[in-house]
Amino acid sequence: MPMFTILTVLTALISVMFIVSVASTVSALRRESEEVKAFDEKKHSTF
């Protein structure tokens, strides 16, 4: 029984880490796309 509990806790930790990494990646990508849009707008307004 303790082995099963340890495995369950490990699985929960791994899934939480995976969700956190995916969320941070998505937010970083969204931030980058917003920065690229702002850069494009600046470029267009300059020329």
PDB file of N, CA and C in Angstrom:
ATOM      1  N   MET A   1       0.830  -1.227   0.000  1.00  0.00           N
ATOM      2  CA  MET A   1       0.000   0.000   0.000  1.00  0.00           C
ATOM      3  C   MET A   1       0.860   1.272   0.000  1.00  0.00           C
ATOM      4  N   PRO A   2       1.898   1.398   0.839  1.00  0.00           N
ATOM      5  CA  PRO A   2       2.712   2.634   0.786  1.00  0.00           C
ATOM      6  C   PRO A   2       3.332   2.843  -0.593  1.00  0.00           C
ATOM      7  N   MET A   3       3.751   1.746  -1.254  1.00  0.00           N
ATOM      8  CA  MET A   3       4.333   1.887  -2.588  1.00  0.00           C
ATOM      9  C   MET A   3       3.323   2.526  -3.538  1.00  0.00           C
ATOM     10  N   PHE A   4       2.074   2.070  -3.473  1.00  0.00           N
ATOM     11  CA  PHE A   4       1.039   2.640  -4.331  1.00  0.00           C
ATOM     12  C   PHE A   4       0.858   4.128  -4.034  1.00  0.00           C
ATOM     13  N   THR A   5       0.886   4.483  -2.740  1.00  0.00           N
ATOM     14  CA  THR A   5       0.735   5.897  -2.370  1.00  0.00           C
ATOM     15  C   THR A   5       1.886   6.724  -2.936  1.00  0.00           C
ATOM     16  N   ILE A   6       3.112   6.195  -2.823  1.00  0.00           N
ATOM     17  CA  ILE A   6       4.277   6.927  -3.340  1.00  0.00           C
ATOM     18  C   ILE A   6       4.144   7.118  -4.850  1.00  0.00           C
ATOM     19  N   LEU A   7       3.740   6.062  -5.546  1.00  0.00           N
ATOM     20  CA  LEU A   7       3.580   6.172  -6.999  1.00  0.00           C
ATOM     21  C   LEU A   7       2.505   7.198  -7.353  1.00  0.00           C
ATOM     22  N   THR A   8       1.412   7.196  -6.606  1.00  0.00           N
ATOM     23  CA  THR A   8       0.338   8.158  -6.882  1.00  0.00           C
ATOM     24  C   THR A   8       0.839   9.587  -6.684  1.00  0.00           C
ATOM     25  N   VAL A   9       1.581   9.816  -5.592  1.00  0.00           N
ATOM     26  CA  VAL A   9       2.098  11.163  -5.323  1.00  0.00           C
ATOM     27  C   VAL A   9       3.070  11.578  -6.421  1.00  0.00           C
ATOM     28  N   LEU A  10       3.935  10.656  -6.839  1.00  0.00           N
ATOM     29  CA  LEU A  10       4.885  10.982  -7.908  1.00  0.00           C
ATOM     30  C   LEU A  10       4.155  11.329  -9.200  1.00  0.00           C
ATOM     31  N   THR A  11       3.145  10.544  -9.537  1.00  0.00           N
ATOM     32  CA  THR A  11       2.382  10.821 -10.758  1.00  0.00           C
ATOM     33  C   THR A  11       1.720  12.189 -10.678  1.00  0.00           C
ATOM     34  N   ALA A  12       1.155  12.521  -9.517  1.00  0.00           N
ATOM     35  CA  ALA A  12       0.504  13.823  -9.353  1.00  0.00           C
ATOM     36  C   ALA A  12       1.529  14.948  -9.512  1.00  0.00           C
ATOM     37  N   LEU A  13       2.702  14.788  -8.913  1.00  0.00           N
ATOM     38  CA  LEU A  13       3.732  15.823  -9.022  1.00  0.00           C
ATOM     39  C   LEU A  13       4.167  16.008 -10.474  1.00  0.00           C
ATOM     40  N   ILE A  14       4.371  14.892 -11.181  1.00  0.00           N
ATOM     41  CA  ILE A  14       4.813  14.981 -12.577  1.00  0.00           C
ATOM     42  C   ILE A  14       3.758  15.681 -13.430  1.00  0.00           C
ATOM     43  N   SER A  15       2.489  15.317 -13.224  1.00  0.00           N
ATOM     44  CA  SER A  15       1.437  15.948 -14.030  1.00  0.00           C
ATOM     45  C   SER A  15       1.338  17.438 -13.710  1.00  0.00           C
ATOM     46  N   VAL A  16       1.495  17.803 -12.439  1.00  0.00           N
ATOM     47  CA  VAL A  16       1.434  19.226 -12.074  1.00  0.00           C
ATOM     48  C   VAL A  16       2.589  19.976 -12.730  1.00  0.00           C
ATOM     49  N   MET A  17       3.798  19.406 -12.676  1.00  0.00           N
ATOM     50  CA  MET A  17       4.943  20.059 -13.319  1.00  0.00           C
ATOM     51  C   MET A  17       4.705  20.217 -14.817  1.00  0.00           C
ATOM     52  N   PHE A  18       4.147  19.172 -15.448  1.00  0.00           N
ATOM     53  CA  PHE A  18       3.886  19.226 -16.886  1.00  0.00           C
ATOM     54  C   PHE A  18       2.900  20.343 -17.206  1.00  0.00           C
ATOM     55  N   ILE A  19       1.822  20.440 -16.413  1.00  0.00           N
ATOM     56  CA  ILE A  19       0.811  21.480 -16.652  1.00  0.00           C
ATOM     57  C   ILE A  19       1.434  22.862 -16.475  1.00  0.00           C
ATOM     58  N   VAL A  20       2.269  23.009 -15.438  1.00  0.00           N
ATOM     59  CA  VAL A  20       2.894  24.313 -15.184  1.00  0.00           C
ATOM     60  C   VAL A  20       3.822  24.690 -16.341  1.00  0.00           C
ATOM     61  N   SER A  21       4.611  23.734 -16.828  1.00  0.00           N
ATOM     62  CA  SER A  21       5.533  24.046 -17.927  1.00  0.00           C
ATOM     63  C   SER A  21       4.763  24.398 -19.196  1.00  0.00           C
ATOM     64  N   VAL A  22       3.679  23.680 -19.469  1.00  0.00           N
ATOM     65  CA  VAL A  22       2.872  23.988 -20.653  1.00  0.00           C
ATOM     66  C   VAL A  22       2.268  25.383 -20.526  1.00  0.00           C
ATOM     67  N   ALA A  23       1.759  25.719 -19.340  1.00  0.00           N
ATOM     68  CA  ALA A  23       1.143  27.032 -19.139  1.00  0.00           C
ATOM     69  C   ALA A  23       2.183  28.139 -19.325  1.00  0.00           C
ATOM     70  N   SER A  24       3.383  27.950 -18.778  1.00  0.00           N
ATOM     71  CA  SER A  24       4.412  28.984 -18.919  1.00  0.00           C
ATOM     72  C   SER A  24       4.841  29.121 -20.379  1.00  0.00           C
ATOM     73  N   THR A  25       4.923  27.995 -21.095  1.00  0.00           N
ATOM     74  CA  THR A  25       5.286  28.052 -22.514  1.00  0.00           C
ATOM     75  C   THR A  25       4.236  28.813 -23.307  1.00  0.00           C
ATOM     76  N   VAL A  26       2.961  28.530 -23.041  1.00  0.00           N
ATOM     77  CA  VAL A  26       1.883  29.203 -23.766  1.00  0.00           C
ATOM     78  C   VAL A  26       1.920  30.701 -23.483  1.00  0.00           C
ATOM     79  N   SER A  27       2.097  31.083 -22.210  1.00  0.00           N
ATOM     80  CA  SER A  27       2.117  32.511 -21.879  1.00  0.00           C
ATOM     81  C   SER A  27       3.328  33.189 -22.520  1.00  0.00           C
ATOM     82  N   ALA A  28       4.474  32.510 -22.550  1.00  0.00           N
ATOM     83  CA  ALA A  28       5.664  33.092 -23.171  1.00  0.00           C
ATOM     84  C   ALA A  28       5.439  33.280 -24.666  1.00  0.00           C
ATOM     85  N   LEU A  29       4.844  32.283 -25.323  1.00  0.00           N
ATOM     86  CA  LEU A  29       4.572  32.407 -26.759  1.00  0.00           C
ATOM     87  C   LEU A  29       3.612  33.558 -27.020  1.00  0.00           C
ATOM     88  N   ARG A  30       2.571  33.677 -26.186  1.00  0.00           N
ATOM     89  CA  ARG A  30       1.609  34.760 -26.373  1.00  0.00           C
ATOM     90  C   ARG A  30       2.311  36.106 -26.220  1.00  0.00           C
ATOM     91  N   ARG A  31       3.199  36.229 -25.221  1.00  0.00           N
ATOM     92  CA  ARG A  31       3.912  37.476 -25.004  1.00  0.00           C
ATOM     93  C   ARG A  31       4.784  37.788 -26.218  1.00  0.00           C
ATOM     94  N   GLU A  32       5.478  36.767 -26.748  1.00  0.00           N
ATOM     95  CA  GLU A  32       6.333  36.989 -27.912  1.00  0.00           C
ATOM     96  C   GLU A  32       5.525  37.466 -29.108  1.00  0.00           C
ATOM     97  N   SER A  33       4.361  36.842 -29.347  1.00  0.00           N
ATOM     98  CA  SER A  33       3.558  37.245 -30.501  1.00  0.00           C
ATOM     99  C   SER A  33       3.075  38.687 -30.328  1.00  0.00           C
ATOM    100  N   GLU A  34       2.722  39.062 -29.088  1.00  0.00           N
ATOM    101  CA  GLU A  34       2.305  40.452 -28.861  1.00  0.00           C
ATOM    102  C   GLU A  34       3.462  41.401 -29.130  1.00  0.00           C
ATOM    103  N   GLU A  35       4.679  41.035 -28.685  1.00  0.00           N
ATOM    104  CA  GLU A  35       5.835  41.889 -28.938  1.00  0.00           C
ATOM    105  C   GLU A  35       6.104  42.007 -30.432  1.00  0.00           C
ATOM    106  N   VAL A  36       5.964  40.909 -31.159  1.00  0.00           N
ATOM    107  CA  VAL A  36       6.187  40.941 -32.611  1.00  0.00           C
ATOM    108  C   VAL A  36       5.159  41.846 -33.268  1.00  0.00           C
ATOM    109  N   LYS A  37       3.904  41.767 -32.822  1.00  0.00           N
ATOM    110  CA  LYS A  37       2.867  42.643 -33.388  1.00  0.00           C
ATOM    111  C   LYS A  37       3.218  44.107 -33.136  1.00  0.00           C
ATOM    112  N   ALA A  38       3.626  44.422 -31.912  1.00  0.00           N
ATOM    113  CA  ALA A  38       3.981  45.805 -31.586  1.00  0.00           C
ATOM    114  C   ALA A  38       5.168  46.253 -32.434  1.00  0.00           C
ATOM    115  N   PHE A  39       6.158  45.379 -32.607  1.00  0.00           N
ATOM    116  CA  PHE A  39       7.317  45.714 -33.431  1.00  0.00           C
ATOM    117  C   PHE A  39       6.895  45.972 -34.872  1.00  0.00           C
ATOM    118  N   ASP A  40       6.011  45.133 -35.407  1.00  0.00           N
ATOM    119  CA  ASP A  40       5.532  45.324 -36.777  1.00  0.00           C
ATOM    120  C   ASP A  40       4.804  46.660 -36.904  1.00  0.00           C
ATOM    121  N   GLU A  41       3.970  46.990 -35.923  1.00  0.00           N
ATOM    122  CA  GLU A  41       3.252  48.265 -35.993  1.00  0.00           C
ATOM    123  C   GLU A  41       4.236  49.427 -35.978  1.00  0.00           C
ATOM    124  N   LYS A  42       5.266  49.349 -35.135  1.00  0.00           N
ATOM    125  CA  LYS A  42       6.262  50.416 -35.102  1.00  0.00           C
ATOM    126  C   LYS A  42       6.961  50.515 -36.456  1.00  0.00           C
ATOM    127  N   LYS A  43       7.330  49.362 -37.029  1.00  0.00           N
ATOM    128  CA  LYS A  43       8.026  49.357 -38.312  1.00  0.00           C
ATOM    129  C   LYS A  43       7.156  49.998 -39.391  1.00  0.00           C
ATOM    130  N   HIS A  44       5.868  49.613 -39.420  1.00  0.00           N
ATOM    131  CA  HIS A  44       4.970  50.160 -40.441  1.00  0.00           C
ATOM    132  C   HIS A  44       4.794  51.665 -40.252  1.00  0.00           C
ATOM    133  N   SER A  45       4.684  52.107 -39.000  1.00  0.00           N
ATOM    134  CA  SER A  45       4.474  53.540 -38.775  1.00  0.00           C
ATOM    135  C   SER A  45       5.741  54.318 -39.138  1.00  0.00           C
ATOM    136  N   THR A  46       6.927  53.691 -38.969  1.00  0.00           N
ATOM    137  CA  THR A  46       8.163  54.399 -39.296  1.00  0.00           C
ATOM    138  C   THR A  46       8.279  54.607 -40.793  1.00  0.00           C
ATOM    139  N   PHE A  47       7.981  53.575 -41.572  1.00  0.00           N
ATOM    140  CA  PHE A  47       8.135  53.692 -43.024  1.00  0.00           C
ATOM    141  C   PHE A  47       6.877  54.244 -43.657  1.00  0.00           C
TER     142      PHE A  47
END
